[in-house]
Amino acid sequence: MAKITFITSDNETIITEATTGSVMELAVLNKVKGIDGDCGGVCSCATCHVHVEPAFWDKVGAPSQLESDMLEFDDNVSEYSRLCCQIDVSDAIDGVVLNVAK
């Protein structure tokens, strides 16, 4: 089981747990403010933009080219930006901390 922490723009900390699915699905299920997932997880809207805490970047990894292209349309991109619909829940990302980019 992976524990994933979201920090919203209001500095609310939401700790979630899951074994499968995408991180975006987990955020929507737990009503994380600022994660909408309007496209349903197909990497076409950037409404699930997060900033990975730098200490956890290696756990999550870099975005794909498609994801990077989508992130170019967002004003709040950083070197630690990811679309959480493209991050699969797994034991490998246990403990990751994500800041909602909105």
PDB file of N, CA and C in Angstrom:
ATOM      1  N   MET A   1       0.844  -1.175   0.000  1.00  0.00           N
ATOM      2  CA  MET A   1       0.000   0.000   0.000  1.00  0.00           C
ATOM      3  C   MET A   1       0.892   1.242   0.000  1.00  0.00           C
ATOM      4  N   ALA A   2       0.523   2.220  -0.808  1.00  0.00           N
ATOM      5  CA  ALA A   2       1.286   3.459  -0.901  1.00  0.00           C
ATOM      6  C   ALA A   2       0.558   4.576  -0.158  1.00  0.00           C
ATOM      7  N   LYS A   3       1.305   5.301   0.630  1.00  0.00           N
ATOM      8  CA  LYS A   3       0.782   6.489   1.296  1.00  0.00           C
ATOM      9  C   LYS A   3       1.248   7.696   0.488  1.00  0.00           C
ATOM     10  N   ILE A   4       0.309   8.539   0.079  1.00  0.00           N
ATOM     11  CA  ILE A   4       0.608   9.717  -0.734  1.00  0.00           C
ATOM     12  C   ILE A   4       0.022  10.928  -0.029  1.00  0.00           C
ATOM     13  N   THR A   5       0.846  11.955   0.151  1.00  0.00           N
ATOM     14  CA  THR A   5       0.414  13.178   0.818  1.00  0.00           C
ATOM     15  C   THR A   5       0.258  14.291  -0.195  1.00  0.00           C
ATOM     16  N   PHE A   6      -0.898  14.949  -0.149  1.00  0.00           N
ATOM     17  CA  PHE A   6      -1.169  16.118  -0.973  1.00  0.00           C
ATOM     18  C   PHE A   6      -1.178  17.348  -0.081  1.00  0.00           C
ATOM     19  N   ILE A   7      -0.584  18.428  -0.583  1.00  0.00           N
ATOM     20  CA  ILE A   7      -0.646  19.719   0.112  1.00  0.00           C
ATOM     21  C   ILE A   7      -1.336  20.679  -0.841  1.00  0.00           C
ATOM     22  N   THR A   8      -2.483  21.211  -0.414  1.00  0.00           N
ATOM     23  CA  THR A   8      -3.268  22.094  -1.271  1.00  0.00           C
ATOM     24  C   THR A   8      -2.736  23.518  -1.233  1.00  0.00           C
ATOM     25  N   SER A   9      -3.290  24.359  -2.084  1.00  0.00           N
ATOM     26  CA  SER A   9      -2.877  25.770  -2.111  1.00  0.00           C
ATOM     27  C   SER A   9      -3.244  26.486  -0.813  1.00  0.00           C
ATOM     28  N   ASP A  10      -4.168  25.915  -0.044  1.00  0.00           N
ATOM     29  CA  ASP A  10      -4.535  26.462   1.274  1.00  0.00           C
ATOM     30  C   ASP A  10      -3.673  25.882   2.387  1.00  0.00           C
ATOM     31  N   ASN A  11      -2.629  25.152   2.012  1.00  0.00           N
ATOM     32  CA  ASN A  11      -1.732  24.465   2.950  1.00  0.00           C
ATOM     33  C   ASN A  11      -2.429  23.390   3.774  1.00  0.00           C
ATOM     34  N   GLU A  12      -3.525  22.852   3.244  1.00  0.00           N
ATOM     35  CA  GLU A  12      -4.171  21.712   3.886  1.00  0.00           C
ATOM     36  C   GLU A  12      -3.400  20.464   3.485  1.00  0.00           C
ATOM     37  N   THR A  13      -3.105  19.623   4.438  1.00  0.00           N
ATOM     38  CA  THR A  13      -2.409  18.371   4.190  1.00  0.00           C
ATOM     39  C   THR A  13      -3.421  17.235   4.193  1.00  0.00           C
ATOM     40  N   ILE A  14      -3.446  16.482   3.106  1.00  0.00           N
ATOM     41  CA  ILE A  14      -4.368  15.352   2.972  1.00  0.00           C
ATOM     42  C   ILE A  14      -3.523  14.105   2.726  1.00  0.00           C
ATOM     43  N   ILE A  15      -3.589  13.171   3.645  1.00  0.00           N
ATOM     44  CA  ILE A  15      -2.832  11.931   3.542  1.00  0.00           C
ATOM     45  C   ILE A  15      -3.775  10.841   3.051  1.00  0.00           C
ATOM     46  N   THR A  16      -3.374  10.179   1.978  1.00  0.00           N
ATOM     47  CA  THR A  16      -4.206   9.151   1.359  1.00  0.00           C
ATOM     48  C   THR A  16      -3.428   7.849   1.266  1.00  0.00           C
ATOM     49  N   GLU A  17      -4.155   6.766   1.035  1.00  0.00           N
ATOM     50  CA  GLU A  17      -3.529   5.463   0.849  1.00  0.00           C
ATOM     51  C   GLU A  17      -4.267   4.713  -0.249  1.00  0.00           C
ATOM     52  N   ALA A  18      -3.521   3.965  -1.037  1.00  0.00           N
ATOM     53  CA  ALA A  18      -4.115   3.148  -2.087  1.00  0.00           C
ATOM     54  C   ALA A  18      -3.138   2.074  -2.511  1.00  0.00           C
ATOM     55  N   THR A  19      -3.651   1.107  -3.268  1.00  0.00           N
ATOM     56  CA  THR A  19      -2.805   0.040  -3.791  1.00  0.00           C
ATOM     57  C   THR A  19      -2.762   0.051  -5.313  1.00  0.00           C
ATOM     58  N   THR A  20      -3.780   0.627  -5.961  1.00  0.00           N
ATOM     59  CA  THR A  20      -3.842   0.629  -7.423  1.00  0.00           C
ATOM     60  C   THR A  20      -4.453   1.929  -7.925  1.00  0.00           C
ATOM     61  N   GLY A  21      -4.441   2.086  -9.247  1.00  0.00           N
ATOM     62  CA  GLY A  21      -5.031   3.257  -9.879  1.00  0.00           C
ATOM     63  C   GLY A  21      -4.003   4.337 -10.115  1.00  0.00           C
ATOM     64  N   SER A  22      -4.500   5.514 -10.497  1.00  0.00           N
ATOM     65  CA  SER A  22      -3.607   6.656 -10.690  1.00  0.00           C
ATOM     66  C   SER A  22      -3.683   7.561  -9.475  1.00  0.00           C
ATOM     67  N   VAL A  23      -2.668   8.373  -9.311  1.00  0.00           N
ATOM     68  CA  VAL A  23      -2.650   9.330  -8.206  1.00  0.00           C
ATOM     69  C   VAL A  23      -3.785  10.349  -8.380  1.00  0.00           C
ATOM     70  N   MET A  24      -4.113  10.699  -9.631  1.00  0.00           N
ATOM     71  CA  MET A  24      -5.230  11.612  -9.874  1.00  0.00           C
ATOM     72  C   MET A  24      -6.541  11.011  -9.385  1.00  0.00           C
ATOM     73  N   GLU A  25      -6.781   9.742  -9.677  1.00  0.00           N
ATOM     74  CA  GLU A  25      -8.003   9.088  -9.211  1.00  0.00           C
ATOM     75  C   GLU A  25      -8.073   9.107  -7.689  1.00  0.00           C
ATOM     76  N   LEU A  26      -6.953   8.880  -7.045  1.00  0.00           N
ATOM     77  CA  LEU A  26      -6.881   8.910  -5.585  1.00  0.00           C
ATOM     78  C   LEU A  26      -7.212  10.301  -5.058  1.00  0.00           C
ATOM     79  N   ALA A  27      -6.680  11.328  -5.713  1.00  0.00           N
ATOM     80  CA  ALA A  27      -6.938  12.708  -5.293  1.00  0.00           C
ATOM     81  C   ALA A  27      -8.418  13.065  -5.455  1.00  0.00           C
ATOM     82  N   VAL A  28      -9.000  12.698  -6.580  1.00  0.00           N
ATOM     83  CA  VAL A  28     -10.417  12.998  -6.823  1.00  0.00           C
ATOM     84  C   VAL A  28     -11.283  12.255  -5.806  1.00  0.00           C
ATOM     85  N   LEU A  29     -10.988  11.001  -5.556  1.00  0.00           N
ATOM     86  CA  LEU A  29     -11.736  10.201  -4.586  1.00  0.00           C
ATOM     87  C   LEU A  29     -11.711  10.837  -3.198  1.00  0.00           C
ATOM     88  N   ASN A  30     -10.568  11.448  -2.869  1.00  0.00           N
ATOM     89  CA  ASN A  30     -10.403  12.072  -1.552  1.00  0.00           C
ATOM     90  C   ASN A  30     -10.690  13.571  -1.551  1.00  0.00           C
ATOM     91  N   LYS A  31     -11.248  14.053  -2.662  1.00  0.00           N
ATOM     92  CA  LYS A  31     -11.674  15.455  -2.791  1.00  0.00           C
ATOM     93  C   LYS A  31     -10.559  16.452  -2.484  1.00  0.00           C
ATOM     94  N   VAL A  32      -9.384  16.194  -3.050  1.00  0.00           N
ATOM     95  CA  VAL A  32      -8.247  17.096  -2.874  1.00  0.00           C
ATOM     96  C   VAL A  32      -8.523  18.355  -3.682  1.00  0.00           C
ATOM     97  N   LYS A  33      -8.594  19.497  -2.993  1.00  0.00           N
ATOM     98  CA  LYS A  33      -8.883  20.770  -3.640  1.00  0.00           C
ATOM     99  C   LYS A  33      -7.804  21.096  -4.669  1.00  0.00           C
ATOM    100  N   GLY A  34      -8.246  21.416  -5.900  1.00  0.00           N
ATOM    101  CA  GLY A  34      -7.322  21.796  -6.957  1.00  0.00           C
ATOM    102  C   GLY A  34      -6.980  20.671  -7.917  1.00  0.00           C
ATOM    103  N   ILE A  35      -7.403  19.453  -7.607  1.00  0.00           N
ATOM    104  CA  ILE A  35      -7.212  18.324  -8.520  1.00  0.00           C
ATOM    105  C   ILE A  35      -8.582  17.975  -9.084  1.00  0.00           C
ATOM    106  N   ASP A  36      -8.786  18.326 -10.353  1.00  0.00           N
ATOM    107  CA  ASP A  36     -10.087  18.095 -10.975  1.00  0.00           C
ATOM    108  C   ASP A  36     -10.104  16.851 -11.854  1.00  0.00           C
ATOM    109  N   GLY A  37      -9.055  16.613 -12.601  1.00  0.00           N
ATOM    110  CA  GLY A  37      -9.014  15.451 -13.484  1.00  0.00           C
ATOM    111  C   GLY A  37     -10.103  15.486 -14.532  1.00  0.00           C
ATOM    112  N   ASP A  38     -10.309  16.653 -15.128  1.00  0.00           N
ATOM    113  CA  ASP A  38     -11.406  16.839 -16.083  1.00  0.00           C
ATOM    114  C   ASP A  38     -11.387  15.869 -17.248  1.00  0.00           C
ATOM    115  N   CYS A  39     -10.213  15.464 -17.710  1.00  0.00           N
ATOM    116  CA  CYS A  39     -10.133  14.581 -18.882  1.00  0.00           C
ATOM    117  C   CYS A  39     -10.259  13.113 -18.509  1.00  0.00           C
ATOM    118  N   GLY A  40     -10.352  12.820 -17.226  1.00  0.00           N
ATOM    119  CA  GLY A  40     -10.488  11.431 -16.802  1.00  0.00           C
ATOM    120  C   GLY A  40      -9.191  10.657 -16.772  1.00  0.00           C
ATOM    121  N   GLY A  41      -8.081  11.353 -16.928  1.00  0.00           N
ATOM    122  CA  GLY A  41      -6.785  10.684 -16.798  1.00  0.00           C
ATOM    123  C   GLY A  41      -6.089  10.348 -18.093  1.00  0.00           C
ATOM    124  N   VAL A  42      -6.471  11.006 -19.193  1.00  0.00           N
ATOM    125  CA  VAL A  42      -5.843  10.692 -20.481  1.00  0.00           C
ATOM    126  C   VAL A  42      -4.810  11.732 -20.916  1.00  0.00           C
ATOM    127  N   CYS A  43      -4.346  12.543 -19.979  1.00  0.00           N
ATOM    128  CA  CYS A  43      -3.251  13.492 -20.235  1.00  0.00           C
ATOM    129  C   CYS A  43      -3.630  14.518 -21.300  1.00  0.00           C
ATOM    130  N   SER A  44      -4.827  15.104 -21.160  1.00  0.00           N
ATOM    131  CA  SER A  44      -5.229  16.096 -22.157  1.00  0.00           C
ATOM    132  C   SER A  44      -5.801  17.378 -21.568  1.00  0.00           C
ATOM    133  N   CYS A  45      -5.611  17.612 -20.258  1.00  0.00           N
ATOM    134  CA  CYS A  45      -6.196  18.838 -19.714  1.00  0.00           C
ATOM    135  C   CYS A  45      -5.330  19.558 -18.681  1.00  0.00           C
ATOM    136  N   ALA A  46      -4.435  18.903 -18.022  1.00  0.00           N
ATOM    137  CA  ALA A  46      -3.549  19.478 -17.001  1.00  0.00           C
ATOM    138  C   ALA A  46      -4.284  19.979 -15.763  1.00  0.00           C
ATOM    139  N   THR A  47      -5.502  19.470 -15.494  1.00  0.00           N
ATOM    140  CA  THR A  47      -6.219  19.865 -14.283  1.00  0.00           C
ATOM    141  C   THR A  47      -5.841  18.997 -13.081  1.00  0.00           C
ATOM    142  N   CYS A  48      -4.757  18.260 -13.214  1.00  0.00           N
ATOM    143  CA  CYS A  48      -4.243  17.457 -12.095  1.00  0.00           C
ATOM    144  C   CYS A  48      -2.754  17.737 -11.887  1.00  0.00           C
ATOM    145  N   HIS A  49      -2.357  18.953 -12.200  1.00  0.00           N
ATOM    146  CA  HIS A  49      -0.956  19.375 -12.109  1.00  0.00           C
ATOM    147  C   HIS A  49      -0.515  19.436 -10.647  1.00  0.00           C
ATOM    148  N   VAL A  50       0.603  18.804 -10.371  1.00  0.00           N
ATOM    149  CA  VAL A  50       1.206  18.839  -9.039  1.00  0.00           C
ATOM    150  C   VAL A  50       2.693  19.127  -9.165  1.00  0.00           C
ATOM    151  N   HIS A  51       3.260  19.596  -8.064  1.00  0.00           N
ATOM    152  CA  HIS A  51       4.708  19.745  -7.950  1.00  0.00           C
ATOM    153  C   HIS A  51       5.178  18.687  -6.956  1.00  0.00           C
ATOM    154  N   VAL A  52       6.046  17.827  -7.414  1.00  0.00           N
ATOM    155  CA  VAL A  52       6.605  16.773  -6.564  1.00  0.00           C
ATOM    156  C   VAL A  52       7.645  17.414  -5.658  1.00  0.00           C
ATOM    157  N   GLU A  53       7.573  17.104  -4.373  1.00  0.00           N
ATOM    158  CA  GLU A  53       8.618  17.570  -3.469  1.00  0.00           C
ATOM    159  C   GLU A  53       9.949  17.031  -3.990  1.00  0.00           C
ATOM    160  N   PRO A  54      10.977  17.885  -4.104  1.00  0.00           N
ATOM    161  CA  PRO A  54      12.251  17.461  -4.699  1.00  0.00           C
ATOM    162  C   PRO A  54      12.841  16.176  -4.120  1.00  0.00           C
ATOM    163  N   ALA A  55      12.680  15.960  -2.832  1.00  0.00           N
ATOM    164  CA  ALA A  55      13.238  14.754  -2.206  1.00  0.00           C
ATOM    165  C   ALA A  55      12.620  13.470  -2.752  1.00  0.00           C
ATOM    166  N   PHE A  56      11.445  13.578  -3.398  1.00  0.00           N
ATOM    167  CA  PHE A  56      10.733  12.403  -3.891  1.00  0.00           C
ATOM    168  C   PHE A  56      10.760  12.291  -5.415  1.00  0.00           C
ATOM    169  N   TRP A  57      11.483  13.203  -6.085  1.00  0.00           N
ATOM    170  CA  TRP A  57      11.490  13.220  -7.547  1.00  0.00           C
ATOM    171  C   TRP A  57      11.940  11.887  -8.146  1.00  0.00           C
ATOM    172  N   ASP A  58      12.962  11.288  -7.580  1.00  0.00           N
ATOM    173  CA  ASP A  58      13.466  10.023  -8.116  1.00  0.00           C
ATOM    174  C   ASP A  58      12.443   8.896  -7.976  1.00  0.00           C
ATOM    175  N   LYS A  59      11.607   8.945  -6.952  1.00  0.00           N
ATOM    176  CA  LYS A  59      10.556   7.935  -6.794  1.00  0.00           C
ATOM    177  C   LYS A  59       9.510   8.054  -7.896  1.00  0.00           C
ATOM    178  N   VAL A  60       9.168   9.289  -8.242  1.00  0.00           N
ATOM    179  CA  VAL A  60       8.094   9.536  -9.209  1.00  0.00           C
ATOM    180  C   VAL A  60       8.626   9.523 -10.639  1.00  0.00           C
ATOM    181  N   GLY A  61       9.781  10.105 -10.837  1.00  0.00           N
ATOM    182  CA  GLY A  61      10.395  10.130 -12.163  1.00  0.00           C
ATOM    183  C   GLY A  61       9.918  11.283 -13.032  1.00  0.00           C
ATOM    184  N   ALA A  62      10.594  11.453 -14.127  1.00  0.00           N
ATOM    185  CA  ALA A  62      10.328  12.563 -15.053  1.00  0.00           C
ATOM    186  C   ALA A  62       9.081  12.281 -15.895  1.00  0.00           C
ATOM    187  N   PRO A  63       8.443  13.337 -16.382  1.00  0.00           N
ATOM    188  CA  PRO A  63       7.270  13.164 -17.237  1.00  0.00           C
ATOM    189  C   PRO A  63       7.644  12.625 -18.617  1.00  0.00           C
ATOM    190  N   SER A  64       6.684  11.971 -19.248  1.00  0.00           N
ATOM    191  CA  SER A  64       6.864  11.525 -20.633  1.00  0.00           C
ATOM    192  C   SER A  64       6.836  12.751 -21.548  1.00  0.00           C
ATOM    193  N   GLN A  65       7.158  12.565 -22.808  1.00  0.00           N
ATOM    194  CA  GLN A  65       7.117  13.673 -23.765  1.00  0.00           C
ATOM    195  C   GLN A  65       5.700  14.226 -23.904  1.00  0.00           C
ATOM    196  N   LEU A  66       4.706  13.357 -23.974  1.00  0.00           N
ATOM    197  CA  LEU A  66       3.302  13.790 -24.076  1.00  0.00           C
ATOM    198  C   LEU A  66       2.912  14.636 -22.868  1.00  0.00           C
ATOM    199  N   GLU A  67       3.300  14.181 -21.698  1.00  0.00           N
ATOM    200  CA  GLU A  67       3.002  14.914 -20.466  1.00  0.00           C
ATOM    201  C   GLU A  67       3.731  16.261 -20.451  1.00  0.00           C
ATOM    202  N   SER A  68       4.983  16.275 -20.837  1.00  0.00           N
ATOM    203  CA  SER A  68       5.744  17.532 -20.907  1.00  0.00           C
ATOM    204  C   SER A  68       5.097  18.516 -21.861  1.00  0.00           C
ATOM    205  N   ASP A  69       4.618  18.016 -22.993  1.00  0.00           N
ATOM    206  CA  ASP A  69       3.939  18.886 -23.961  1.00  0.00           C
ATOM    207  C   ASP A  69       2.678  19.502 -23.354  1.00  0.00           C
ATOM    208  N   MET A  70       1.925  18.723 -22.598  1.00  0.00           N
ATOM    209  CA  MET A  70       0.704  19.231 -21.960  1.00  0.00           C
ATOM    210  C   MET A  70       1.056  20.258 -20.874  1.00  0.00           C
ATOM    211  N   LEU A  71       2.108  20.009 -20.137  1.00  0.00           N
ATOM    212  CA  LEU A  71       2.513  20.931 -19.073  1.00  0.00           C
ATOM    213  C   LEU A  71       2.942  22.292 -19.615  1.00  0.00           C
ATOM    214  N   GLU A  72       3.400  22.341 -20.868  1.00  0.00           N
ATOM    215  CA  GLU A  72       3.811  23.610 -21.463  1.00  0.00           C
ATOM    216  C   GLU A  72       2.683  24.633 -21.498  1.00  0.00           C
ATOM    217  N   PHE A  73       1.435  24.181 -21.454  1.00  0.00           N
ATOM    218  CA  PHE A  73       0.286  25.081 -21.504  1.00  0.00           C
ATOM    219  C   PHE A  73      -0.095  25.626 -20.136  1.00  0.00           C
ATOM    220  N   ASP A  74       0.554  25.178 -19.084  1.00  0.00           N
ATOM    221  CA  ASP A  74       0.237  25.619 -17.728  1.00  0.00           C
ATOM    222  C   ASP A  74       1.210  26.717 -17.305  1.00  0.00           C
ATOM    223  N   ASP A  75       0.697  27.745 -16.662  1.00  0.00           N
ATOM    224  CA  ASP A  75       1.529  28.878 -16.245  1.00  0.00           C
ATOM    225  C   ASP A  75       2.382  28.585 -15.006  1.00  0.00           C
ATOM    226  N   ASN A  76       2.034  27.585 -14.258  1.00  0.00           N
ATOM    227  CA  ASN A  76       2.678  27.337 -12.973  1.00  0.00           C
ATOM    228  C   ASN A  76       3.616  26.125 -13.016  1.00  0.00           C
ATOM    229  N   VAL A  77       4.327  25.949 -14.112  1.00  0.00           N
ATOM    230  CA  VAL A  77       5.208  24.789 -14.286  1.00  0.00           C
ATOM    231  C   VAL A  77       6.541  25.023 -13.581  1.00  0.00           C
ATOM    232  N   SER A  78       7.050  23.967 -12.992  1.00  0.00           N
ATOM    233  CA  SER A  78       8.383  24.005 -12.384  1.00  0.00           C
ATOM    234  C   SER A  78       9.145  22.768 -12.857  1.00  0.00           C
ATOM    235  N   GLU A  79      10.383  22.679 -12.468  1.00  0.00           N
ATOM    236  CA  GLU A  79      11.183  21.511 -12.844  1.00  0.00           C
ATOM    237  C   GLU A  79      10.689  20.240 -12.155  1.00  0.00           C
ATOM    238  N   TYR A  80       9.790  20.379 -11.184  1.00  0.00           N
ATOM    239  CA  TYR A  80       9.239  19.234 -10.466  1.00  0.00           C
ATOM    240  C   TYR A  80       7.767  19.011 -10.789  1.00  0.00           C
ATOM    241  N   SER A  81       7.300  19.549 -11.914  1.00  0.00           N
ATOM    242  CA  SER A  81       5.904  19.402 -12.321  1.00  0.00           C
ATOM    243  C   SER A  81       5.618  18.020 -12.892  1.00  0.00           C
ATOM    244  N   ARG A  82       4.445  17.517 -12.520  1.00  0.00           N
ATOM    245  CA  ARG A  82       3.904  16.284 -13.097  1.00  0.00           C
ATOM    246  C   ARG A  82       2.389  16.415 -13.178  1.00  0.00           C
ATOM    247  N   LEU A  83       1.802  15.656 -14.071  1.00  0.00           N
ATOM    248  CA  LEU A  83       0.359  15.486 -14.092  1.00  0.00           C
ATOM    249  C   LEU A  83       0.101  14.198 -13.325  1.00  0.00           C
ATOM    250  N   CYS A  84      -0.659  14.301 -12.237  1.00  0.00           N
ATOM    251  CA  CYS A  84      -0.776  13.109 -11.388  1.00  0.00           C
ATOM    252  C   CYS A  84      -1.627  12.016 -12.011  1.00  0.00           C
ATOM    253  N   CYS A  85      -2.313  12.305 -13.120  1.00  0.00           N
ATOM    254  CA  CYS A  85      -3.010  11.226 -13.839  1.00  0.00           C
ATOM    255  C   CYS A  85      -2.021  10.282 -14.498  1.00  0.00           C
ATOM    256  N   GLN A  86      -0.785  10.727 -14.640  1.00  0.00           N
ATOM    257  CA  GLN A  86       0.246   9.921 -15.288  1.00  0.00           C
ATOM    258  C   GLN A  86       1.167   9.220 -14.294  1.00  0.00           C
ATOM    259  N   ILE A  87       0.824   9.313 -13.020  1.00  0.00           N
ATOM    260  CA  ILE A  87       1.601   8.643 -11.973  1.00  0.00           C
ATOM    261  C   ILE A  87       0.760   7.491 -11.431  1.00  0.00           C
ATOM    262  N   ASP A  88       1.254   6.281 -11.598  1.00  0.00           N
ATOM    263  CA  ASP A  88       0.543   5.107 -11.093  1.00  0.00           C
ATOM    264  C   ASP A  88       0.825   4.913  -9.615  1.00  0.00           C
ATOM    265  N   VAL A  89      -0.207   4.548  -8.880  1.00  0.00           N
ATOM    266  CA  VAL A  89      -0.040   4.191  -7.481  1.00  0.00           C
ATOM    267  C   VAL A  89       0.684   2.849  -7.423  1.00  0.00           C
ATOM    268  N   SER A  90       1.734   2.811  -6.635  1.00  0.00           N
ATOM    269  CA  SER A  90       2.479   1.568  -6.411  1.00  0.00           C
ATOM    270  C   SER A  90       3.308   1.730  -5.149  1.00  0.00           C
ATOM    271  N   ASP A  91       3.829   0.624  -4.667  1.00  0.00           N
ATOM    272  CA  ASP A  91       4.699   0.681  -3.486  1.00  0.00           C
ATOM    273  C   ASP A  91       5.923   1.547  -3.738  1.00  0.00           C
ATOM    274  N   ALA A  92       6.324   1.682  -4.995  1.00  0.00           N
ATOM    275  CA  ALA A  92       7.516   2.457  -5.341  1.00  0.00           C
ATOM    276  C   ALA A  92       7.378   3.935  -5.002  1.00  0.00           C
ATOM    277  N   ILE A  93       6.143   4.445  -4.939  1.00  0.00           N
ATOM    278  CA  ILE A  93       5.965   5.871  -4.625  1.00  0.00           C
ATOM    279  C   ILE A  93       5.464   6.097  -3.198  1.00  0.00           C
ATOM    280  N   ASP A  94       5.520   5.070  -2.378  1.00  0.00           N
ATOM    281  CA  ASP A  94       5.092   5.197  -0.990  1.00  0.00           C
ATOM    282  C   ASP A  94       5.823   6.350  -0.309  1.00  0.00           C
ATOM    283  N   GLY A  95       5.066   7.218   0.337  1.00  0.00           N
ATOM    284  CA  GLY A  95       5.633   8.337   1.088  1.00  0.00           C
ATOM    285  C   GLY A  95       5.769   9.626   0.317  1.00  0.00           C
ATOM    286  N   VAL A  96       5.467   9.614  -0.973  1.00  0.00           N
ATOM    287  CA  VAL A  96       5.651  10.809  -1.813  1.00  0.00           C
ATOM    288  C   VAL A  96       4.759  11.958  -1.328  1.00  0.00           C
ATOM    289  N   VAL A  97       5.284  13.179  -1.459  1.00  0.00           N
ATOM    290  CA  VAL A  97       4.552  14.387  -1.101  1.00  0.00           C
ATOM    291  C   VAL A  97       4.379  15.225  -2.372  1.00  0.00           C
ATOM    292  N   LEU A  98       3.126  15.598  -2.643  1.00  0.00           N
ATOM    293  CA  LEU A  98       2.784  16.356  -3.851  1.00  0.00           C
ATOM    294  C   LEU A  98       2.087  17.654  -3.462  1.00  0.00           C
ATOM    295  N   ASN A  99       2.570  18.765  -4.023  1.00  0.00           N
ATOM    296  CA  ASN A  99       1.942  20.059  -3.816  1.00  0.00           C
ATOM    297  C   ASN A  99       1.039  20.357  -5.001  1.00  0.00           C
ATOM    298  N   VAL A 100      -0.247  20.622  -4.736  1.00  0.00           N
ATOM    299  CA  VAL A 100      -1.186  20.954  -5.807  1.00  0.00           C
ATOM    300  C   VAL A 100      -0.739  22.276  -6.409  1.00  0.00           C
ATOM    301  N   ALA A 101      -0.662  22.318  -7.730  1.00  0.00           N
ATOM    302  CA  ALA A 101      -0.044  23.452  -8.426  1.00  0.00           C
ATOM    303  C   ALA A 101      -0.942  24.669  -8.583  1.00  0.00           C
ATOM    304  N   LYS A 102      -2.161  24.646  -8.144  1.00  0.00           N
ATOM    305  CA  LYS A 102      -3.065  25.770  -8.347  1.00  0.00           C
ATOM    306  C   LYS A 102      -2.996  26.784  -7.258  1.00  0.00           C
TER     307      LYS A 102
END
